[in-house]
Amino acid sequence: MKNVASAKSVFAYIFSSIRRFPSSIATMILVALVWSVDVSLAPYLFKNYFESGR
C-alpha cells in the first residue's frame, strides 16, 4: 500500500484550505508575526528599561 503524498497534492490541499478560511489564516499569520517581533525585541526592551533605573 503506497501512502505517499506528492508535493503537488499537498500544496493543492493547502491552497484549498486557505481559500475556505481566509480570515482565520490571515489572523493566524498576523498573530505569528506580532508574536515573533515581540519575542525578538523583548530582550532589548527589557535591557533598556532596567538600565534606565526605573
Foldseek 3Di string as FASTA:
>chain_A
DDDDDDPVVVVVVVVVVCVVCVVVVVVVVVVVVVVVVCVVCVVVVVVVVVVVPD
